[in-house]
Amino acid sequence: VEAGIGFFPGDPILLQMKAEVALRRGDAATAITQLDQLAVAFPDEVGVHVLRLEALVVTGRDTDARVAALDFERTFSFLSHGTVILGLAEARLGNADAAEAAWTRAEGVIAECTLCAGDEAALLIWAREQAKAERVIPQDR
């Protein structure tokens, strides 16, 4: 990833991958800092926002994740990622009914998505599992 960034220093996908590596290595604070910067620089880059949502719940910043997920829902209403993470944040905050309501909405979006490659359904499965976990771990990709 670093070599690629050396050749393409402003590439949002490579920069996102760098943040994902930091998250997977347990350096969520660095990942969130990088993702916050990327979200400002590349506001239409969906992957940046999705990874940022995941990093927020991994670090236990569930209230921040809820706020960011609601913003994601408004901005990218045709995708379920924000709604799935909203459900996870609600579950982690003890709001089981709100979590289930969010996940039910997400299932509807996923069912209607003809372009989805399965990542949204996998995210939903991961979120439901992590809602029961003592500590949220990053999603396997």
C-alpha atoms as a PDB file:
ATOM      1  CA  VAL A   1       0.000   0.000   0.000  1.00  0.00           C
ATOM      2  CA  GLU A   2       2.786   2.416   0.936  1.00  0.00           C
ATOM      3  CA  ALA A   3       4.546   1.800  -2.381  1.00  0.00           C
ATOM      4  CA  GLY A   4       1.331   2.516  -4.264  1.00  0.00           C
ATOM      5  CA  ILE A   5       0.808   5.729  -2.321  1.00  0.00           C
ATOM      6  CA  GLY A   6       4.365   6.695  -3.282  1.00  0.00           C
ATOM      7  CA  PHE A   7       3.377   6.460  -6.941  1.00  0.00           C
ATOM      8  CA  PHE A   8      -0.170   7.817  -6.498  1.00  0.00           C
ATOM      9  CA  PRO A   9      -0.098   9.992  -3.352  1.00  0.00           C
ATOM     10  CA  GLY A  10      -3.623  11.355  -3.695  1.00  0.00           C
ATOM     11  CA  ASP A  11      -5.430   8.162  -4.626  1.00  0.00           C
ATOM     12  CA  PRO A  12      -8.418   7.824  -2.266  1.00  0.00           C
ATOM     13  CA  ILE A  13      -8.604   4.027  -2.585  1.00  0.00           C
ATOM     14  CA  LEU A  14      -4.948   3.562  -1.617  1.00  0.00           C
ATOM     15  CA  LEU A  15      -5.303   6.039   1.243  1.00  0.00           C
ATOM     16  CA  GLN A  16      -8.409   4.182   2.407  1.00  0.00           C
ATOM     17  CA  MET A  17      -6.462   0.920   2.270  1.00  0.00           C
ATOM     18  CA  LYS A  18      -3.755   2.485   4.434  1.00  0.00           C
ATOM     19  CA  ALA A  19      -6.378   3.408   7.035  1.00  0.00           C
ATOM     20  CA  GLU A  20      -7.830  -0.102   6.866  1.00  0.00           C
ATOM     21  CA  VAL A  21      -4.386  -1.590   7.525  1.00  0.00           C
ATOM     22  CA  ALA A  22      -4.056   0.646  10.594  1.00  0.00           C
ATOM     23  CA  LEU A  23      -7.497  -0.468  11.821  1.00  0.00           C
ATOM     24  CA  ARG A  24      -6.684  -4.162  11.347  1.00  0.00           C
ATOM     25  CA  ARG A  25      -3.361  -3.754  13.138  1.00  0.00           C
ATOM     26  CA  GLY A  26      -5.189  -2.365  16.153  1.00  0.00           C
ATOM     27  CA  ASP A  27      -4.335   1.295  15.598  1.00  0.00           C
ATOM     28  CA  ALA A  28      -7.921   2.498  15.324  1.00  0.00           C
ATOM     29  CA  ALA A  29      -7.043   6.035  16.454  1.00  0.00           C
ATOM     30  CA  THR A  30      -4.728   6.476  13.472  1.00  0.00           C
ATOM     31  CA  ALA A  31      -7.302   4.918  11.166  1.00  0.00           C
ATOM     32  CA  ILE A  32     -10.029   7.287  12.346  1.00  0.00           C
ATOM     33  CA  THR A  33      -7.751  10.319  11.964  1.00  0.00           C
ATOM     34  CA  GLN A  34      -6.896   9.263   8.416  1.00  0.00           C
ATOM     35  CA  LEU A  35     -10.517   8.486   7.572  1.00  0.00           C
ATOM     36  CA  ASP A  36     -11.728  11.806   8.985  1.00  0.00           C
ATOM     37  CA  GLN A  37      -9.300  13.583   6.668  1.00  0.00           C
ATOM     38  CA  LEU A  38     -10.303  11.433   3.710  1.00  0.00           C
ATOM     39  CA  ALA A  39     -14.013  12.013   4.341  1.00  0.00           C
ATOM     40  CA  VAL A  40     -13.422  15.748   4.031  1.00  0.00           C
ATOM     41  CA  ALA A  41     -11.144  15.460   0.989  1.00  0.00           C
ATOM     42  CA  PHE A  42     -13.312  12.868  -0.801  1.00  0.00           C
ATOM     43  CA  PRO A  43     -16.911  13.360   0.399  1.00  0.00           C
ATOM     44  CA  ASP A  44     -18.359  11.147  -2.366  1.00  0.00           C
ATOM     45  CA  GLU A  45     -16.029   8.192  -1.712  1.00  0.00           C
ATOM     46  CA  VAL A  46     -18.468   5.718  -0.157  1.00  0.00           C
ATOM     47  CA  GLY A  47     -15.805   3.254   0.981  1.00  0.00           C
ATOM     48  CA  VAL A  48     -14.128   5.903   3.120  1.00  0.00           C
ATOM     49  CA  HIS A  49     -17.365   6.602   4.964  1.00  0.00           C
ATOM     50  CA  VAL A  50     -18.190   2.909   5.413  1.00  0.00           C
ATOM     51  CA  LEU A  51     -14.758   2.148   6.863  1.00  0.00           C
ATOM     52  CA  ARG A  52     -15.015   5.202   9.121  1.00  0.00           C
ATOM     53  CA  LEU A  53     -18.353   3.926  10.477  1.00  0.00           C
ATOM     54  CA  GLU A  54     -16.765   0.565  11.192  1.00  0.00           C
ATOM     55  CA  ALA A  55     -13.765   2.185  12.906  1.00  0.00           C
ATOM     56  CA  LEU A  56     -16.067   4.209  15.144  1.00  0.00           C
ATOM     57  CA  VAL A  57     -17.866   1.116  16.461  1.00  0.00           C
ATOM     58  CA  VAL A  58     -14.607  -0.824  16.771  1.00  0.00           C
ATOM     59  CA  THR A  59     -13.286   1.906  19.065  1.00  0.00           C
ATOM     60  CA  GLY A  60     -16.486   1.972  21.109  1.00  0.00           C
ATOM     61  CA  ARG A  61     -17.523   5.398  19.879  1.00  0.00           C
ATOM     62  CA  ASP A  62     -21.093   4.190  19.461  1.00  0.00           C
ATOM     63  CA  THR A  63     -22.759   7.586  19.862  1.00  0.00           C
ATOM     64  CA  ASP A  64     -20.445   9.058  17.205  1.00  0.00           C
ATOM     65  CA  ALA A  65     -21.164   6.025  15.012  1.00  0.00           C
ATOM     66  CA  ARG A  66     -24.911   6.621  15.401  1.00  0.00           C
ATOM     67  CA  VAL A  67     -24.570  10.260  14.313  1.00  0.00           C
ATOM     68  CA  ALA A  68     -22.277   9.367  11.390  1.00  0.00           C
ATOM     69  CA  ALA A  69     -24.563   6.512  10.325  1.00  0.00           C
ATOM     70  CA  LEU A  70     -27.592   8.809  10.246  1.00  0.00           C
ATOM     71  CA  ASP A  71     -25.596  11.249   8.100  1.00  0.00           C
ATOM     72  CA  PHE A  72     -24.547   8.380   5.820  1.00  0.00           C
ATOM     73  CA  GLU A  73     -28.203   7.329   5.466  1.00  0.00           C
ATOM     74  CA  ARG A  74     -29.167  10.833   4.378  1.00  0.00           C
ATOM     75  CA  THR A  75     -26.271  11.162   1.928  1.00  0.00           C
ATOM     76  CA  PHE A  76     -26.247   7.633   0.486  1.00  0.00           C
ATOM     77  CA  SER A  77     -29.868   6.550   0.960  1.00  0.00           C
ATOM     78  CA  PHE A  78     -29.597   3.944  -1.790  1.00  0.00           C
ATOM     79  CA  LEU A  79     -27.044   1.940   0.258  1.00  0.00           C
ATOM     80  CA  SER A  80     -27.625  -0.009   3.460  1.00  0.00           C
ATOM     81  CA  HIS A  81     -24.170   0.355   5.049  1.00  0.00           C
ATOM     82  CA  GLY A  82     -25.129   3.311   7.229  1.00  0.00           C
ATOM     83  CA  THR A  83     -28.365   1.672   8.329  1.00  0.00           C
ATOM     84  CA  VAL A  84     -26.528  -1.522   9.266  1.00  0.00           C
ATOM     85  CA  ILE A  85     -23.969   0.373  11.363  1.00  0.00           C
ATOM     86  CA  LEU A  86     -26.772   2.454  12.853  1.00  0.00           C
ATOM     87  CA  GLY A  87     -28.334  -0.804  14.029  1.00  0.00           C
ATOM     88  CA  LEU A  88     -25.040  -1.942  15.520  1.00  0.00           C
ATOM     89  CA  ALA A  89     -24.513   1.378  17.300  1.00  0.00           C
ATOM     90  CA  GLU A  90     -28.062   1.274  18.664  1.00  0.00           C
ATOM     91  CA  ALA A  91     -27.563  -2.310  19.876  1.00  0.00           C
ATOM     92  CA  ARG A  92     -24.279  -1.390  21.563  1.00  0.00           C
ATOM     93  CA  LEU A  93     -26.036   1.555  23.228  1.00  0.00           C
ATOM     94  CA  GLY A  94     -28.739  -0.784  24.586  1.00  0.00           C
ATOM     95  CA  ASN A  95     -31.485   0.205  22.156  1.00  0.00           C
ATOM     96  CA  ALA A  96     -32.508  -3.253  20.901  1.00  0.00           C
ATOM     97  CA  ASP A  97     -35.769  -2.127  19.286  1.00  0.00           C
ATOM     98  CA  ALA A  98     -34.045   0.693  17.381  1.00  0.00           C
ATOM     99  CA  ALA A  99     -31.336  -1.757  16.276  1.00  0.00           C
ATOM    100  CA  GLU A 100     -33.861  -4.240  14.910  1.00  0.00           C
ATOM    101  CA  ALA A 101     -35.783  -1.448  13.167  1.00  0.00           C
ATOM    102  CA  ALA A 102     -32.581  -0.266  11.468  1.00  0.00           C
ATOM    103  CA  TRP A 103     -31.618  -3.789  10.430  1.00  0.00           C
ATOM    104  CA  THR A 104     -35.093  -4.430   9.035  1.00  0.00           C
ATOM    105  CA  ARG A 105     -34.789  -1.256   6.929  1.00  0.00           C
ATOM    106  CA  ALA A 106     -31.332  -2.399   5.803  1.00  0.00           C
ATOM    107  CA  GLU A 107     -32.698  -5.787   4.738  1.00  0.00           C
ATOM    108  CA  GLY A 108     -35.213  -3.990   2.530  1.00  0.00           C
ATOM    109  CA  VAL A 109     -32.517  -1.906   0.862  1.00  0.00           C
ATOM    110  CA  ILE A 110     -30.326  -4.989   0.360  1.00  0.00           C
ATOM    111  CA  ALA A 111     -33.213  -6.947  -1.165  1.00  0.00           C
ATOM    112  CA  GLU A 112     -33.864  -4.187  -3.701  1.00  0.00           C
ATOM    113  CA  CYS A 113     -30.217  -3.686  -4.654  1.00  0.00           C
ATOM    114  CA  THR A 114     -29.467  -5.225  -8.031  1.00  0.00           C
ATOM    115  CA  LEU A 115     -25.852  -4.020  -8.070  1.00  0.00           C
ATOM    116  CA  CYS A 116     -24.825  -5.237  -4.604  1.00  0.00           C
ATOM    117  CA  ALA A 117     -22.060  -7.817  -4.619  1.00  0.00           C
ATOM    118  CA  GLY A 118     -22.927  -9.347  -1.271  1.00  0.00           C
ATOM    119  CA  ASP A 119     -20.845  -7.008   0.846  1.00  0.00           C
ATOM    120  CA  GLU A 120     -23.911  -5.357   2.323  1.00  0.00           C
ATOM    121  CA  ALA A 121     -25.435  -8.676   3.365  1.00  0.00           C
ATOM    122  CA  ALA A 122     -22.079  -9.723   4.850  1.00  0.00           C
ATOM    123  CA  LEU A 123     -21.916  -6.431   6.748  1.00  0.00           C
ATOM    124  CA  LEU A 124     -25.370  -7.100   8.200  1.00  0.00           C
ATOM    125  CA  ILE A 125     -24.356 -10.579   9.367  1.00  0.00           C
ATOM    126  CA  TRP A 126     -21.170  -9.140  10.916  1.00  0.00           C
ATOM    127  CA  ALA A 127     -23.100  -6.343  12.654  1.00  0.00           C
ATOM    128  CA  ARG A 128     -25.613  -8.740  14.197  1.00  0.00           C
ATOM    129  CA  GLU A 129     -22.771 -10.907  15.490  1.00  0.00           C
ATOM    130  CA  GLN A 130     -20.859  -7.928  16.861  1.00  0.00           C
ATOM    131  CA  ALA A 131     -23.939  -6.596  18.638  1.00  0.00           C
ATOM    132  CA  LYS A 132     -23.616  -9.560  21.004  1.00  0.00           C
ATOM    133  CA  ALA A 133     -19.826  -9.377  21.383  1.00  0.00           C
ATOM    134  CA  GLU A 134     -18.064  -7.899  24.361  1.00  0.00           C
ATOM    135  CA  ARG A 135     -15.868  -5.882  22.010  1.00  0.00           C
ATOM    136  CA  VAL A 136     -16.403  -5.123  18.316  1.00  0.00           C
ATOM    137  CA  ILE A 137     -13.704  -6.463  16.019  1.00  0.00           C
ATOM    138  CA  PRO A 138     -13.111  -5.282  12.441  1.00  0.00           C
ATOM    139  CA  GLN A 139     -15.049  -7.037   9.724  1.00  0.00           C
ATOM    140  CA  ASP A 140     -13.247  -9.707   7.677  1.00  0.00           C
ATOM    141  CA  ARG A 141     -13.166  -8.788   4.037  1.00  0.00           C
END
